[in-house]
Amino acid sequence: MAELHPYEVIRRAVITEKSNGLAERNNQYAFEVAPKANKAQIKDAVELIFDLKGQVISVNTLINPAKRGRRGRKYFLRSRQWKKAIVTLAEGAKIELFNV
């Protein structure tokens, strides 16, 4: 498998009410990541992009399934399958992108 560049690993920050609550309470941040990225690559990418050397404690990943819609008898895809990573940071570390 080809090594992913750190800027290819993280696609976007997931900013929702639930992710904002995680950031405030547990110091956890959510990102959409490349489907082939593993936890070590995600950790390295977050540390490099947000300048958090050694402050990423853990990375949890999950795959959000595709959502189907229905019109009459026909089914269609409302959204695609995507991979999400929840990154836990050390006490006192923050990502300013989420704290606006």
N, C-alpha and C. Protein backbone atom coordinates (compact mmCIF):
# COMPACT_ATOMS: atom_id res chain seq x y z
N MET A 1 0.84 -1.18 0.00
CA MET A 1 0.00 0.00 0.00
C MET A 1 0.88 1.24 0.00
N ALA A 2 0.54 2.21 -0.83
CA ALA A 2 1.30 3.45 -0.91
C ALA A 2 1.04 4.30 0.34
N GLU A 3 2.09 4.92 0.80
CA GLU A 3 1.99 5.79 1.98
C GLU A 3 1.24 7.06 1.63
N LEU A 4 0.28 7.44 2.45
CA LEU A 4 -0.49 8.65 2.23
C LEU A 4 0.26 9.86 2.81
N HIS A 5 0.21 10.97 2.11
CA HIS A 5 0.77 12.22 2.62
C HIS A 5 -0.12 12.71 3.75
N PRO A 6 0.44 13.31 4.80
CA PRO A 6 -0.40 13.76 5.93
C PRO A 6 -1.55 14.68 5.54
N TYR A 7 -1.37 15.49 4.51
CA TYR A 7 -2.44 16.38 4.09
C TYR A 7 -3.50 15.65 3.25
N GLU A 8 -3.23 14.40 2.85
CA GLU A 8 -4.24 13.59 2.16
C GLU A 8 -5.04 12.75 3.16
N VAL A 9 -4.50 12.56 4.36
CA VAL A 9 -5.14 11.72 5.36
C VAL A 9 -6.40 12.41 5.90
N ILE A 10 -6.27 13.65 6.34
CA ILE A 10 -7.40 14.39 6.91
C ILE A 10 -8.09 15.15 5.79
N ARG A 11 -9.38 14.89 5.62
CA ARG A 11 -10.14 15.56 4.55
C ARG A 11 -10.84 16.80 5.05
N ARG A 12 -11.50 16.73 6.22
CA ARG A 12 -12.19 17.90 6.76
C ARG A 12 -12.48 17.65 8.23
N ALA A 13 -12.73 18.73 8.94
CA ALA A 13 -13.17 18.64 10.32
C ALA A 13 -14.67 18.44 10.33
N VAL A 14 -15.15 17.59 11.20
CA VAL A 14 -16.59 17.35 11.34
C VAL A 14 -17.07 18.23 12.48
N ILE A 15 -17.82 19.28 12.14
CA ILE A 15 -18.29 20.23 13.16
C ILE A 15 -19.81 20.11 13.26
N THR A 16 -20.26 19.46 14.32
CA THR A 16 -21.68 19.30 14.60
C THR A 16 -21.90 19.61 16.07
N GLU A 17 -23.14 19.58 16.52
CA GLU A 17 -23.42 19.81 17.93
C GLU A 17 -22.76 18.73 18.79
N LYS A 18 -22.82 17.50 18.33
CA LYS A 18 -22.23 16.41 19.09
C LYS A 18 -20.71 16.53 19.16
N SER A 19 -20.06 16.87 18.04
CA SER A 19 -18.60 17.00 18.05
C SER A 19 -18.16 18.20 18.88
N ASN A 20 -18.95 19.28 18.89
CA ASN A 20 -18.62 20.42 19.74
C ASN A 20 -18.73 20.05 21.21
N GLY A 21 -19.71 19.24 21.57
CA GLY A 21 -19.83 18.76 22.94
C GLY A 21 -18.66 17.88 23.34
N LEU A 22 -18.23 17.01 22.42
CA LEU A 22 -17.05 16.17 22.70
C LEU A 22 -15.81 17.01 22.92
N ALA A 23 -15.67 18.07 22.12
CA ALA A 23 -14.50 18.94 22.24
C ALA A 23 -14.50 19.66 23.59
N GLU A 24 -15.66 20.12 24.02
CA GLU A 24 -15.74 20.85 25.29
C GLU A 24 -15.56 19.94 26.50
N ARG A 25 -16.23 18.79 26.49
CA ARG A 25 -16.22 17.91 27.66
C ARG A 25 -14.98 17.02 27.74
N ASN A 26 -14.64 16.36 26.63
CA ASN A 26 -13.62 15.30 26.67
C ASN A 26 -12.34 15.63 25.93
N ASN A 27 -12.26 16.81 25.34
CA ASN A 27 -11.09 17.21 24.55
C ASN A 27 -10.88 16.25 23.38
N GLN A 28 -11.99 15.88 22.70
CA GLN A 28 -11.95 14.99 21.55
C GLN A 28 -12.44 15.75 20.33
N TYR A 29 -11.80 15.51 19.19
CA TYR A 29 -12.11 16.21 17.95
C TYR A 29 -12.38 15.19 16.85
N ALA A 30 -13.35 15.50 15.98
CA ALA A 30 -13.76 14.56 14.93
C ALA A 30 -13.31 15.07 13.56
N PHE A 31 -12.84 14.14 12.72
CA PHE A 31 -12.38 14.46 11.37
C PHE A 31 -12.88 13.41 10.40
N GLU A 32 -13.15 13.85 9.16
CA GLU A 32 -13.35 12.89 8.08
C GLU A 32 -11.96 12.58 7.54
N VAL A 33 -11.65 11.31 7.39
CA VAL A 33 -10.32 10.90 6.95
C VAL A 33 -10.42 10.02 5.72
N ALA A 34 -9.29 9.81 5.08
CA ALA A 34 -9.23 8.94 3.91
C ALA A 34 -9.59 7.51 4.33
N PRO A 35 -10.34 6.80 3.49
CA PRO A 35 -10.77 5.44 3.87
C PRO A 35 -9.63 4.47 4.12
N LYS A 36 -8.49 4.66 3.50
CA LYS A 36 -7.37 3.73 3.66
C LYS A 36 -6.39 4.15 4.74
N ALA A 37 -6.66 5.27 5.42
CA ALA A 37 -5.76 5.75 6.47
C ALA A 37 -5.91 4.90 7.73
N ASN A 38 -4.78 4.59 8.37
CA ASN A 38 -4.84 3.85 9.62
C ASN A 38 -4.64 4.81 10.80
N LYS A 39 -4.75 4.29 12.01
CA LYS A 39 -4.72 5.15 13.20
C LYS A 39 -3.37 5.86 13.37
N ALA A 40 -2.29 5.18 13.05
CA ALA A 40 -0.97 5.80 13.18
C ALA A 40 -0.80 6.95 12.20
N GLN A 41 -1.28 6.78 10.98
CA GLN A 41 -1.21 7.86 9.99
C GLN A 41 -2.07 9.04 10.41
N ILE A 42 -3.24 8.77 10.98
CA ILE A 42 -4.13 9.84 11.42
C ILE A 42 -3.48 10.62 12.57
N LYS A 43 -2.88 9.91 13.50
CA LYS A 43 -2.20 10.55 14.62
C LYS A 43 -1.07 11.45 14.13
N ASP A 44 -0.24 10.93 13.23
CA ASP A 44 0.88 11.72 12.69
C ASP A 44 0.38 12.95 11.94
N ALA A 45 -0.71 12.80 11.18
CA ALA A 45 -1.24 13.92 10.40
C ALA A 45 -1.78 15.02 11.31
N VAL A 46 -2.50 14.64 12.37
CA VAL A 46 -3.04 15.65 13.29
C VAL A 46 -1.91 16.37 14.00
N GLU A 47 -0.89 15.64 14.44
CA GLU A 47 0.24 16.27 15.13
C GLU A 47 0.98 17.23 14.20
N LEU A 48 1.13 16.87 12.94
CA LEU A 48 1.86 17.72 11.99
C LEU A 48 1.03 18.95 11.59
N ILE A 49 -0.22 18.74 11.21
CA ILE A 49 -1.04 19.84 10.68
C ILE A 49 -1.36 20.87 11.76
N PHE A 50 -1.71 20.41 12.95
CA PHE A 50 -2.13 21.34 14.01
C PHE A 50 -1.02 21.63 15.02
N ASP A 51 0.21 21.19 14.75
CA ASP A 51 1.38 21.47 15.59
C ASP A 51 1.16 21.02 17.04
N LEU A 52 0.83 19.75 17.21
CA LEU A 52 0.53 19.17 18.51
C LEU A 52 1.48 18.01 18.81
N LYS A 53 2.77 18.24 18.73
CA LYS A 53 3.76 17.17 18.86
C LYS A 53 3.61 16.45 20.20
N GLY A 54 3.28 15.16 20.14
CA GLY A 54 3.19 14.32 21.32
C GLY A 54 1.97 14.54 22.18
N GLN A 55 0.96 15.26 21.71
CA GLN A 55 -0.21 15.55 22.54
C GLN A 55 -1.46 14.77 22.13
N VAL A 56 -1.34 13.92 21.11
CA VAL A 56 -2.46 13.07 20.72
C VAL A 56 -2.39 11.79 21.56
N ILE A 57 -3.42 11.57 22.38
CA ILE A 57 -3.43 10.41 23.27
C ILE A 57 -3.93 9.17 22.55
N SER A 58 -5.09 9.29 21.87
CA SER A 58 -5.64 8.13 21.18
C SER A 58 -6.42 8.54 19.95
N VAL A 59 -6.62 7.58 19.07
CA VAL A 59 -7.40 7.78 17.85
C VAL A 59 -8.38 6.62 17.73
N ASN A 60 -9.66 6.93 17.62
CA ASN A 60 -10.70 5.93 17.38
C ASN A 60 -11.27 6.18 16.00
N THR A 61 -11.49 5.12 15.24
CA THR A 61 -12.03 5.27 13.89
C THR A 61 -13.34 4.50 13.75
N LEU A 62 -14.19 4.98 12.86
CA LEU A 62 -15.42 4.29 12.54
C LEU A 62 -15.79 4.61 11.11
N ILE A 63 -16.58 3.74 10.51
CA ILE A 63 -17.03 3.94 9.14
C ILE A 63 -18.52 4.21 9.17
N ASN A 64 -18.90 5.41 8.74
CA ASN A 64 -20.31 5.76 8.66
C ASN A 64 -20.88 5.16 7.38
N PRO A 65 -21.95 4.38 7.49
CA PRO A 65 -22.48 3.73 6.30
C PRO A 65 -23.20 4.70 5.37
N ALA A 66 -23.37 4.28 4.14
CA ALA A 66 -24.12 5.08 3.17
C ALA A 66 -25.58 5.13 3.59
N LYS A 67 -26.23 6.24 3.29
CA LYS A 67 -27.64 6.39 3.62
C LYS A 67 -28.46 6.29 2.35
N ARG A 68 -29.51 5.49 2.42
CA ARG A 68 -30.39 5.32 1.26
C ARG A 68 -31.61 6.20 1.39
N GLY A 69 -32.10 6.65 0.25
CA GLY A 69 -33.36 7.38 0.20
C GLY A 69 -34.33 6.58 -0.64
N ARG A 70 -35.57 6.98 -0.61
CA ARG A 70 -36.56 6.23 -1.38
C ARG A 70 -37.60 7.20 -1.95
N ARG A 71 -37.88 7.04 -3.21
CA ARG A 71 -38.96 7.77 -3.87
C ARG A 71 -39.82 6.74 -4.59
N GLY A 72 -41.02 6.54 -4.09
CA GLY A 72 -41.86 5.50 -4.68
C GLY A 72 -41.24 4.14 -4.43
N ARG A 73 -41.02 3.38 -5.50
CA ARG A 73 -40.39 2.06 -5.36
C ARG A 73 -38.88 2.11 -5.58
N LYS A 74 -38.37 3.23 -5.99
CA LYS A 74 -36.95 3.34 -6.34
C LYS A 74 -36.12 3.78 -5.13
N TYR A 75 -34.94 3.18 -5.02
CA TYR A 75 -33.99 3.56 -3.97
C TYR A 75 -32.85 4.33 -4.61
N PHE A 76 -32.28 5.26 -3.87
CA PHE A 76 -31.11 6.00 -4.34
C PHE A 76 -30.21 6.28 -3.15
N LEU A 77 -28.97 6.67 -3.42
CA LEU A 77 -28.00 6.96 -2.37
C LEU A 77 -28.06 8.43 -2.00
N ARG A 78 -28.44 8.74 -0.76
CA ARG A 78 -28.46 10.13 -0.29
C ARG A 78 -27.07 10.61 0.07
N SER A 79 -26.28 9.74 0.69
CA SER A 79 -24.91 10.10 1.05
C SER A 79 -24.03 8.86 0.96
N ARG A 80 -22.77 9.08 0.73
CA ARG A 80 -21.83 7.97 0.57
C ARG A 80 -21.29 7.50 1.91
N GLN A 81 -20.66 6.34 1.88
CA GLN A 81 -19.96 5.82 3.04
C GLN A 81 -18.69 6.64 3.25
N TRP A 82 -18.33 6.94 4.51
CA TRP A 82 -17.11 7.70 4.79
C TRP A 82 -16.54 7.29 6.13
N LYS A 83 -15.25 7.55 6.31
CA LYS A 83 -14.55 7.15 7.52
C LYS A 83 -14.34 8.36 8.42
N LYS A 84 -14.63 8.17 9.71
CA LYS A 84 -14.50 9.25 10.68
C LYS A 84 -13.49 8.84 11.74
N ALA A 85 -12.69 9.80 12.19
CA ALA A 85 -11.73 9.56 13.26
C ALA A 85 -12.03 10.52 14.40
N ILE A 86 -12.03 10.00 15.61
CA ILE A 86 -12.19 10.82 16.80
C ILE A 86 -10.85 10.81 17.53
N VAL A 87 -10.24 11.99 17.62
CA VAL A 87 -8.89 12.14 18.16
C VAL A 87 -8.98 12.74 19.56
N THR A 88 -8.37 12.07 20.54
CA THR A 88 -8.34 12.55 21.92
C THR A 88 -7.00 13.22 22.16
N LEU A 89 -7.04 14.45 22.67
CA LEU A 89 -5.82 15.20 22.96
C LEU A 89 -5.53 15.21 24.46
N ALA A 90 -4.28 15.51 24.79
CA ALA A 90 -3.86 15.60 26.19
C ALA A 90 -4.54 16.79 26.86
N GLU A 91 -4.53 16.77 28.18
CA GLU A 91 -5.11 17.85 28.98
C GLU A 91 -4.43 19.17 28.64
N GLY A 92 -5.22 20.18 28.35
CA GLY A 92 -4.68 21.51 28.04
C GLY A 92 -4.40 21.76 26.58
N ALA A 93 -4.35 20.74 25.75
CA ALA A 93 -4.12 20.92 24.32
C ALA A 93 -5.44 21.23 23.64
N LYS A 94 -5.41 22.12 22.65
CA LYS A 94 -6.61 22.49 21.93
C LYS A 94 -6.32 22.63 20.45
N ILE A 95 -7.36 22.48 19.65
CA ILE A 95 -7.31 22.78 18.22
C ILE A 95 -8.18 24.00 18.02
N GLU A 96 -7.58 25.11 17.60
CA GLU A 96 -8.31 26.38 17.52
C GLU A 96 -9.40 26.39 16.46
N LEU A 97 -9.32 25.49 15.50
CA LEU A 97 -10.33 25.40 14.46
C LEU A 97 -11.72 25.15 15.06
N PHE A 98 -11.78 24.39 16.13
CA PHE A 98 -13.04 24.04 16.76
C PHE A 98 -13.48 25.06 17.80
N ASN A 99 -12.56 25.84 18.33
CA ASN A 99 -12.87 26.77 19.42
C ASN A 99 -13.04 28.19 18.93
N VAL A 100 -13.89 28.38 17.95
CA VAL A 100 -14.10 29.71 17.40
C VAL A 100 -15.29 30.36 18.03
